């Protein structure tokens, strides 16, 4: 009889315990360990306290940097070299001022010789000596060579002011232009020769071609080239009287 009573107590205790477990755990859900719950939450994307989500790189910021570098490279431009002392600065081609200027008819025989002579020097690489900084400041040398070949002067001159004085001694006078005439000698204001913060007169020299453009030395190409007469401020126009 005692054994029956003890067995009944054990069965009753087991039943009570089973009822308590069923009430605390939802029906149909297995009991999981803390590690299993953590793995399940991570798999579902549940945020874990103290953990930080990895930051994504901003595609916009990367593109923005690349664009700025591209803009900077485009804005970088080469500039013509400038001379020093009494040497004239060599001209550079300017597409915005390459249009022919108004021309007057009736060029003299001497003017035709001057134009023919300067045309004969176009694209010549003979003006790249050390006396003109490798051709960067050879404008006076180019023009004086053309004038010498045309019989206007009898020597080659390296400085623009000296060349202006020489052609004036040969009968060239300053005239108002436009209109220009073929064979006119033109000087421009291109750079600061005296280093006083202002561009100086007679710092470049060339000759007007019969097509309404000018021919002078190019500092970037280091050779005589054709370009617009108004590529830089004109100082004076000299013409045989």
C-alpha atoms as a PDB file:
ATOM      1  CA  UNK A   1       0.000   0.000   0.000  1.00  0.00           C
ATOM      2  CA  UNK A   2       2.860   2.390   0.818  1.00  0.00           C
ATOM      3  CA  UNK A   3       4.498   1.684  -2.538  1.00  0.00           C
ATOM      4  CA  UNK A   4       1.287   2.550  -4.349  1.00  0.00           C
ATOM      5  CA  UNK A   5       1.038   5.882  -2.501  1.00  0.00           C
ATOM      6  CA  UNK A   6       4.681   6.852  -3.311  1.00  0.00           C
ATOM      7  CA  UNK A   7       4.255   6.039  -6.958  1.00  0.00           C
ATOM      8  CA  UNK A   8       1.119   8.155  -7.072  1.00  0.00           C
ATOM      9  CA  UNK A   9       3.037  11.127  -5.606  1.00  0.00           C
ATOM     10  CA  UNK A  10       5.788  10.791  -8.241  1.00  0.00           C
ATOM     11  CA  UNK A  11       3.250  10.653 -11.070  1.00  0.00           C
ATOM     12  CA  UNK A  12       1.444  13.707  -9.686  1.00  0.00           C
ATOM     13  CA  UNK A  13       4.737  15.695  -9.424  1.00  0.00           C
ATOM     14  CA  UNK A  14       5.681  14.874 -13.008  1.00  0.00           C
ATOM     15  CA  UNK A  15       2.266  15.975 -14.226  1.00  0.00           C
ATOM     16  CA  UNK A  16       2.525  19.321 -12.408  1.00  0.00           C
ATOM     17  CA  UNK A  17       6.003  19.975 -13.833  1.00  0.00           C
ATOM     18  CA  UNK A  18       4.885  19.137 -17.388  1.00  0.00           C
ATOM     19  CA  UNK A  19       1.928  21.528 -17.062  1.00  0.00           C
ATOM     20  CA  UNK A  20       4.223  24.374 -15.949  1.00  0.00           C
ATOM     21  CA  UNK A  21       6.595  23.855 -18.914  1.00  0.00           C
ATOM     22  CA  UNK A  22       3.735  23.830 -21.414  1.00  0.00           C
ATOM     23  CA  UNK A  23       2.344  27.095 -20.002  1.00  0.00           C
ATOM     24  CA  UNK A  24       5.711  28.938 -20.175  1.00  0.00           C
ATOM     25  CA  UNK A  25       6.650  27.845 -23.755  1.00  0.00           C
ATOM     26  CA  UNK A  26       4.326  28.605 -26.710  1.00  0.00           C
ATOM     27  CA  UNK A  27       2.826  25.582 -28.285  1.00  0.00           C
ATOM     28  CA  UNK A  28       4.778  24.254 -31.269  1.00  0.00           C
ATOM     29  CA  UNK A  29       7.991  26.270 -30.519  1.00  0.00           C
ATOM     30  CA  UNK A  30      11.115  24.385 -29.536  1.00  0.00           C
ATOM     31  CA  UNK A  31      13.154  25.456 -26.565  1.00  0.00           C
ATOM     32  CA  UNK A  32      16.427  27.041 -27.753  1.00  0.00           C
ATOM     33  CA  UNK A  33      19.648  27.866 -26.029  1.00  0.00           C
ATOM     34  CA  UNK A  34      20.888  31.554 -25.757  1.00  0.00           C
ATOM     35  CA  UNK A  35      23.537  30.884 -28.451  1.00  0.00           C
ATOM     36  CA  UNK A  36      20.902  29.475 -30.813  1.00  0.00           C
ATOM     37  CA  UNK A  37      18.684  32.534 -30.224  1.00  0.00           C
ATOM     38  CA  UNK A  38      21.619  34.894 -30.982  1.00  0.00           C
ATOM     39  CA  UNK A  39      22.407  33.071 -34.225  1.00  0.00           C
ATOM     40  CA  UNK A  40      18.734  33.162 -35.214  1.00  0.00           C
ATOM     41  CA  UNK A  41      18.506  36.930 -34.561  1.00  0.00           C
ATOM     42  CA  UNK A  42      21.655  37.621 -36.556  1.00  0.00           C
ATOM     43  CA  UNK A  43      20.309  35.572 -39.441  1.00  0.00           C
ATOM     44  CA  UNK A  44      17.076  37.635 -39.417  1.00  0.00           C
ATOM     45  CA  UNK A  45      19.020  40.901 -39.388  1.00  0.00           C
ATOM     46  CA  UNK A  46      17.981  41.812 -35.845  1.00  0.00           C
ATOM     47  CA  UNK A  47      20.185  44.567 -34.398  1.00  0.00           C
ATOM     48  CA  UNK A  48      22.400  43.497 -31.563  1.00  0.00           C
ATOM     49  CA  UNK A  49      23.046  46.014 -28.822  1.00  0.00           C
ATOM     50  CA  UNK A  50      26.565  47.492 -29.033  1.00  0.00           C
ATOM     51  CA  UNK A  51      27.170  46.284 -32.627  1.00  0.00           C
ATOM     52  CA  UNK A  52      27.561  48.857 -35.448  1.00  0.00           C
ATOM     53  CA  UNK A  53      26.476  48.193 -39.009  1.00  0.00           C
ATOM     54  CA  UNK A  54      29.287  48.575 -41.594  1.00  0.00           C
ATOM     55  CA  UNK A  55      29.254  51.872 -43.491  1.00  0.00           C
ATOM     56  CA  UNK A  56      28.856  51.838 -47.252  1.00  0.00           C
ATOM     57  CA  UNK A  57      31.168  53.944 -49.418  1.00  0.00           C
ATOM     58  CA  UNK A  58      29.502  56.924 -50.973  1.00  0.00           C
ATOM     59  CA  UNK A  59      29.568  56.589 -54.751  1.00  0.00           C
ATOM     60  CA  UNK A  60      28.689  60.300 -55.037  1.00  0.00           C
ATOM     61  CA  UNK A  61      31.791  61.437 -53.141  1.00  0.00           C
ATOM     62  CA  UNK A  62      34.058  59.303 -55.317  1.00  0.00           C
ATOM     63  CA  UNK A  63      32.538  60.634 -58.528  1.00  0.00           C
ATOM     64  CA  UNK A  64      32.774  64.168 -57.233  1.00  0.00           C
ATOM     65  CA  UNK A  65      36.527  63.866 -56.626  1.00  0.00           C
ATOM     66  CA  UNK A  66      37.113  62.406 -60.071  1.00  0.00           C
ATOM     67  CA  UNK A  67      35.114  65.185 -61.689  1.00  0.00           C
ATOM     68  CA  UNK A  68      37.086  67.892 -59.892  1.00  0.00           C
ATOM     69  CA  UNK A  69      40.389  66.365 -61.039  1.00  0.00           C
ATOM     70  CA  UNK A  70      39.112  66.258 -64.611  1.00  0.00           C
ATOM     71  CA  UNK A  71      38.067  69.904 -64.472  1.00  0.00           C
ATOM     72  CA  UNK A  72      41.432  70.904 -63.059  1.00  0.00           C
ATOM     73  CA  UNK A  73      43.310  69.105 -65.827  1.00  0.00           C
ATOM     74  CA  UNK A  74      41.215  70.860 -68.470  1.00  0.00           C
ATOM     75  CA  UNK A  75      41.769  74.267 -66.935  1.00  0.00           C
ATOM     76  CA  UNK A  76      45.506  73.868 -67.047  1.00  0.00           C
ATOM     77  CA  UNK A  77      46.782  75.612 -70.168  1.00  0.00           C
ATOM     78  CA  UNK A  78      50.234  76.352 -71.553  1.00  0.00           C
ATOM     79  CA  UNK A  79      51.259  79.981 -71.835  1.00  0.00           C
ATOM     80  CA  UNK A  80      53.676  81.585 -74.243  1.00  0.00           C
ATOM     81  CA  UNK A  81      57.167  82.276 -72.965  1.00  0.00           C
ATOM     82  CA  UNK A  82      58.303  85.841 -72.424  1.00  0.00           C
ATOM     83  CA  UNK A  83      61.631  87.427 -73.106  1.00  0.00           C
ATOM     84  CA  UNK A  84      63.821  89.761 -71.112  1.00  0.00           C
ATOM     85  CA  UNK A  85      65.984  92.836 -71.608  1.00  0.00           C
ATOM     86  CA  UNK A  86      65.527  94.456 -75.010  1.00  0.00           C
ATOM     87  CA  UNK A  87      64.458  91.269 -76.740  1.00  0.00           C
ATOM     88  CA  UNK A  88      60.882  91.130 -77.953  1.00  0.00           C
ATOM     89  CA  UNK A  89      58.431  88.542 -76.761  1.00  0.00           C
ATOM     90  CA  UNK A  90      57.498  86.020 -79.460  1.00  0.00           C
ATOM     91  CA  UNK A  91      53.901  85.908 -80.577  1.00  0.00           C
ATOM     92  CA  UNK A  92      51.531  83.031 -80.061  1.00  0.00           C
ATOM     93  CA  UNK A  93      48.619  82.051 -82.269  1.00  0.00           C
ATOM     94  CA  UNK A  94      45.267  83.348 -81.047  1.00  0.00           C
ATOM     95  CA  UNK A  95      42.248  81.731 -82.698  1.00  0.00           C
ATOM     96  CA  UNK A  96      39.908  84.388 -81.272  1.00  0.00           C
ATOM     97  CA  UNK A  97      41.819  87.214 -82.980  1.00  0.00           C
ATOM     98  CA  UNK A  98      42.859  85.498 -86.201  1.00  0.00           C
ATOM     99  CA  UNK A  99      40.405  87.337 -88.462  1.00  0.00           C
ATOM    100  CA  UNK A 100      42.038  89.468 -91.186  1.00  0.00           C
ATOM    101  CA  UNK A 101      42.029  93.236 -90.615  1.00  0.00           C
ATOM    102  CA  UNK A 102      40.927  95.948 -93.055  1.00  0.00           C
ATOM    103  CA  UNK A 103      43.539  96.466 -95.744  1.00  0.00           C
ATOM    104  CA  UNK A 104      44.239  99.444 -97.983  1.00  0.00           C
ATOM    105  CA  UNK A 105      45.216  98.913-101.620  1.00  0.00           C
ATOM    106  CA  UNK A 106      48.262 100.288-103.401  1.00  0.00           C
ATOM    107  CA  UNK A 107      51.196  98.509-101.770  1.00  0.00           C
ATOM    108  CA  UNK A 108      54.556  99.692-103.074  1.00  0.00           C
ATOM    109  CA  UNK A 109      57.173  97.517-104.722  1.00  0.00           C
ATOM    110  CA  UNK A 110      59.242  97.627-101.541  1.00  0.00           C
ATOM    111  CA  UNK A 111      56.245  96.490 -99.484  1.00  0.00           C
ATOM    112  CA  UNK A 112      55.788  93.524-101.809  1.00  0.00           C
ATOM    113  CA  UNK A 113      59.452  92.599-101.321  1.00  0.00           C
ATOM    114  CA  UNK A 114      59.050  92.797 -97.535  1.00  0.00           C
ATOM    115  CA  UNK A 115      55.965  90.547 -97.600  1.00  0.00           C
ATOM    116  CA  UNK A 116      57.666  88.050 -99.899  1.00  0.00           C
ATOM    117  CA  UNK A 117      60.727  88.015 -97.640  1.00  0.00           C
ATOM    118  CA  UNK A 118      58.810  87.421 -94.397  1.00  0.00           C
ATOM    119  CA  UNK A 119      56.713  84.722 -96.058  1.00  0.00           C
ATOM    120  CA  UNK A 120      59.914  82.957 -97.020  1.00  0.00           C
ATOM    121  CA  UNK A 121      60.726  82.573 -93.313  1.00  0.00           C
ATOM    122  CA  UNK A 122      57.421  80.952 -92.283  1.00  0.00           C
ATOM    123  CA  UNK A 123      57.939  77.773 -90.234  1.00  0.00           C
ATOM    124  CA  UNK A 124      61.723  78.151 -90.408  1.00  0.00           C
ATOM    125  CA  UNK A 125      63.686  76.528 -87.583  1.00  0.00           C
ATOM    126  CA  UNK A 126      66.710  78.767 -88.197  1.00  0.00           C
ATOM    127  CA  UNK A 127      65.866  81.114 -85.292  1.00  0.00           C
ATOM    128  CA  UNK A 128      66.529  78.857 -82.302  1.00  0.00           C
ATOM    129  CA  UNK A 129      69.971  80.000 -81.235  1.00  0.00           C
ATOM    130  CA  UNK A 130      71.176  80.799 -77.746  1.00  0.00           C
ATOM    131  CA  UNK A 131      71.160  84.518 -78.619  1.00  0.00           C
ATOM    132  CA  UNK A 132      67.337  84.418 -78.658  1.00  0.00           C
ATOM    133  CA  UNK A 133      66.791  81.863 -75.869  1.00  0.00           C
ATOM    134  CA  UNK A 134      66.296  78.951 -78.210  1.00  0.00           C
ATOM    135  CA  UNK A 135      63.749  80.803 -80.329  1.00  0.00           C
ATOM    136  CA  UNK A 136      61.457  82.024 -77.553  1.00  0.00           C
ATOM    137  CA  UNK A 137      62.332  85.709 -78.045  1.00  0.00           C
ATOM    138  CA  UNK A 138      63.346  85.783 -81.714  1.00  0.00           C
ATOM    139  CA  UNK A 139      60.764  88.245 -83.040  1.00  0.00           C
ATOM    140  CA  UNK A 140      63.218  91.100 -83.730  1.00  0.00           C
ATOM    141  CA  UNK A 141      65.690  88.694 -85.291  1.00  0.00           C
ATOM    142  CA  UNK A 142      63.011  87.293 -87.614  1.00  0.00           C
ATOM    143  CA  UNK A 143      61.736  90.712 -88.743  1.00  0.00           C
ATOM    144  CA  UNK A 144      65.198  92.244 -89.162  1.00  0.00           C
ATOM    145  CA  UNK A 145      66.256  89.194 -91.185  1.00  0.00           C
ATOM    146  CA  UNK A 146      63.257  89.680 -93.498  1.00  0.00           C
ATOM    147  CA  UNK A 147      63.979  93.410 -93.825  1.00  0.00           C
ATOM    148  CA  UNK A 148      67.645  92.710 -94.532  1.00  0.00           C
ATOM    149  CA  UNK A 149      66.728  90.178 -97.232  1.00  0.00           C
ATOM    150  CA  UNK A 150      64.369  92.772 -98.767  1.00  0.00           C
ATOM    151  CA  UNK A 151      67.131  95.405 -98.838  1.00  0.00           C
ATOM    152  CA  UNK A 152      65.602  97.718 -96.215  1.00  0.00           C
ATOM    153  CA  UNK A 153      68.404  97.424 -93.614  1.00  0.00           C
ATOM    154  CA  UNK A 154      71.891  95.941 -93.775  1.00  0.00           C
ATOM    155  CA  UNK A 155      72.147  94.048 -90.460  1.00  0.00           C
ATOM    156  CA  UNK A 156      70.253  91.663 -88.178  1.00  0.00           C
ATOM    157  CA  UNK A 157      68.988  93.244 -84.920  1.00  0.00           C
ATOM    158  CA  UNK A 158      67.937  91.356 -81.778  1.00  0.00           C
ATOM    159  CA  UNK A 159      66.107  94.068 -79.814  1.00  0.00           C
ATOM    160  CA  UNK A 160      62.725  95.530 -80.767  1.00  0.00           C
ATOM    161  CA  UNK A 161      63.495  99.157 -79.677  1.00  0.00           C
ATOM    162  CA  UNK A 162      66.759  99.080 -81.646  1.00  0.00           C
ATOM    163  CA  UNK A 163      64.962  97.714 -84.709  1.00  0.00           C
ATOM    164  CA  UNK A 164      62.265 100.414 -84.491  1.00  0.00           C
ATOM    165  CA  UNK A 165      64.935 103.119 -84.381  1.00  0.00           C
ATOM    166  CA  UNK A 166      66.736 101.557 -87.350  1.00  0.00           C
ATOM    167  CA  UNK A 167      63.686 101.402 -89.645  1.00  0.00           C
ATOM    168  CA  UNK A 168      62.806 104.978 -88.739  1.00  0.00           C
ATOM    169  CA  UNK A 169      66.254 105.985 -89.934  1.00  0.00           C
ATOM    170  CA  UNK A 170      65.447 104.228 -93.194  1.00  0.00           C
ATOM    171  CA  UNK A 171      62.393 106.396 -93.808  1.00  0.00           C
ATOM    172  CA  UNK A 172      59.595 104.456 -92.098  1.00  0.00           C
ATOM    173  CA  UNK A 173      56.980 106.660 -90.384  1.00  0.00           C
ATOM    174  CA  UNK A 174      54.347 105.910 -87.776  1.00  0.00           C
ATOM    175  CA  UNK A 175      50.868 105.824 -89.314  1.00  0.00           C
ATOM    176  CA  UNK A 176      47.323 105.351 -88.070  1.00  0.00           C
ATOM    177  CA  UNK A 177      45.738 101.994 -88.801  1.00  0.00           C
ATOM    178  CA  UNK A 178      43.399 100.439 -89.751  1.00  0.00           C
ATOM    179  CA  UNK A 179      43.379 100.260 -92.629  1.00  0.00           C
ATOM    180  CA  UNK A 180      46.683  98.424 -92.775  1.00  0.00           C
ATOM    181  CA  UNK A 181      48.894  97.905 -95.796  1.00  0.00           C
ATOM    182  CA  UNK A 182      50.911  94.890 -96.772  1.00  0.00           C
ATOM    183  CA  UNK A 183      54.463  95.295 -95.504  1.00  0.00           C
ATOM    184  CA  UNK A 184      53.520  97.427 -92.479  1.00  0.00           C
ATOM    185  CA  UNK A 185      55.751  96.832 -89.463  1.00  0.00           C
ATOM    186  CA  UNK A 186      53.716  96.412 -86.271  1.00  0.00           C
ATOM    187  CA  UNK A 187      54.820  96.389 -82.623  1.00  0.00           C
ATOM    188  CA  UNK A 188      52.722  95.052 -79.740  1.00  0.00           C
ATOM    189  CA  UNK A 189      52.549  95.305 -75.962  1.00  0.00           C
ATOM    190  CA  UNK A 190      52.951  91.723 -74.721  1.00  0.00           C
ATOM    191  CA  UNK A 191      54.856  91.501 -71.400  1.00  0.00           C
ATOM    192  CA  UNK A 192      56.509  93.385 -68.558  1.00  0.00           C
ATOM    193  CA  UNK A 193      60.057  94.006 -69.760  1.00  0.00           C
ATOM    194  CA  UNK A 194      60.976  96.460 -66.984  1.00  0.00           C
ATOM    195  CA  UNK A 195      59.484  94.353 -64.165  1.00  0.00           C
ATOM    196  CA  UNK A 196      57.384  97.244 -62.874  1.00  0.00           C
ATOM    197  CA  UNK A 197      54.054  95.415 -62.907  1.00  0.00           C
ATOM    198  CA  UNK A 198      52.869  96.762 -66.291  1.00  0.00           C
ATOM    199  CA  UNK A 199      53.260  95.440 -69.820  1.00  0.00           C
ATOM    200  CA  UNK A 200      55.661  97.574 -71.842  1.00  0.00           C
ATOM    201  CA  UNK A 201      55.398  98.962 -75.369  1.00  0.00           C
ATOM    202  CA  UNK A 202      57.389  97.523 -78.258  1.00  0.00           C
ATOM    203  CA  UNK A 203      57.857  94.096 -76.678  1.00  0.00           C
ATOM    204  CA  UNK A 204      56.974  92.214 -79.853  1.00  0.00           C
ATOM    205  CA  UNK A 205      57.291  92.965 -83.580  1.00  0.00           C
ATOM    206  CA  UNK A 206      55.964  91.526 -86.825  1.00  0.00           C
ATOM    207  CA  UNK A 207      55.006  92.353 -90.412  1.00  0.00           C
ATOM    208  CA  UNK A 208      51.512  92.602 -91.934  1.00  0.00           C
ATOM    209  CA  UNK A 209      50.898  90.068 -94.690  1.00  0.00           C
ATOM    210  CA  UNK A 210      48.898  90.895 -97.822  1.00  0.00           C
ATOM    211  CA  UNK A 211      46.024  88.675 -96.601  1.00  0.00           C
ATOM    212  CA  UNK A 212      45.303  90.966 -93.622  1.00  0.00           C
ATOM    213  CA  UNK A 213      47.117  88.892 -91.004  1.00  0.00           C
ATOM    214  CA  UNK A 214      50.566  89.262 -89.476  1.00  0.00           C
ATOM    215  CA  UNK A 215      53.700  87.125 -89.506  1.00  0.00           C
ATOM    216  CA  UNK A 216      56.021  87.037 -86.502  1.00  0.00           C
ATOM    217  CA  UNK A 217      57.913  84.607 -84.323  1.00  0.00           C
ATOM    218  CA  UNK A 218      55.935  82.212 -82.130  1.00  0.00           C
ATOM    219  CA  UNK A 219      57.361  81.543 -78.676  1.00  0.00           C
ATOM    220  CA  UNK A 220      55.541  78.219 -78.341  1.00  0.00           C
ATOM    221  CA  UNK A 221      56.543  76.928 -81.796  1.00  0.00           C
ATOM    222  CA  UNK A 222      59.910  78.769 -81.824  1.00  0.00           C
ATOM    223  CA  UNK A 223      59.480  79.680 -85.487  1.00  0.00           C
ATOM    224  CA  UNK A 224      57.803  82.396 -87.598  1.00  0.00           C
ATOM    225  CA  UNK A 225      54.046  81.864 -87.809  1.00  0.00           C
ATOM    226  CA  UNK A 226      51.008  83.664 -89.222  1.00  0.00           C
ATOM    227  CA  UNK A 227      48.500  85.054 -86.680  1.00  0.00           C
ATOM    228  CA  UNK A 228      45.942  87.811 -86.156  1.00  0.00           C
ATOM    229  CA  UNK A 229      47.157  91.417 -86.228  1.00  0.00           C
ATOM    230  CA  UNK A 230      45.084  92.210 -83.136  1.00  0.00           C
ATOM    231  CA  UNK A 231      46.313  89.271 -81.051  1.00  0.00           C
ATOM    232  CA  UNK A 232      47.688  91.790 -78.494  1.00  0.00           C
ATOM    233  CA  UNK A 233      47.451  95.587 -77.985  1.00  0.00           C
ATOM    234  CA  UNK A 234      49.149  97.383 -80.890  1.00  0.00           C
ATOM    235  CA  UNK A 235      51.745 100.010 -79.960  1.00  0.00           C
ATOM    236  CA  UNK A 236      52.673 101.434 -83.356  1.00  0.00           C
ATOM    237  CA  UNK A 237      52.438 100.807 -87.099  1.00  0.00           C
ATOM    238  CA  UNK A 238      55.447 101.779 -89.228  1.00  0.00           C
ATOM    239  CA  UNK A 239      55.196 102.290 -92.993  1.00  0.00           C
ATOM    240  CA  UNK A 240      57.631 103.447 -95.659  1.00  0.00           C
ATOM    241  CA  UNK A 241      56.837 107.073 -96.441  1.00  0.00           C
END
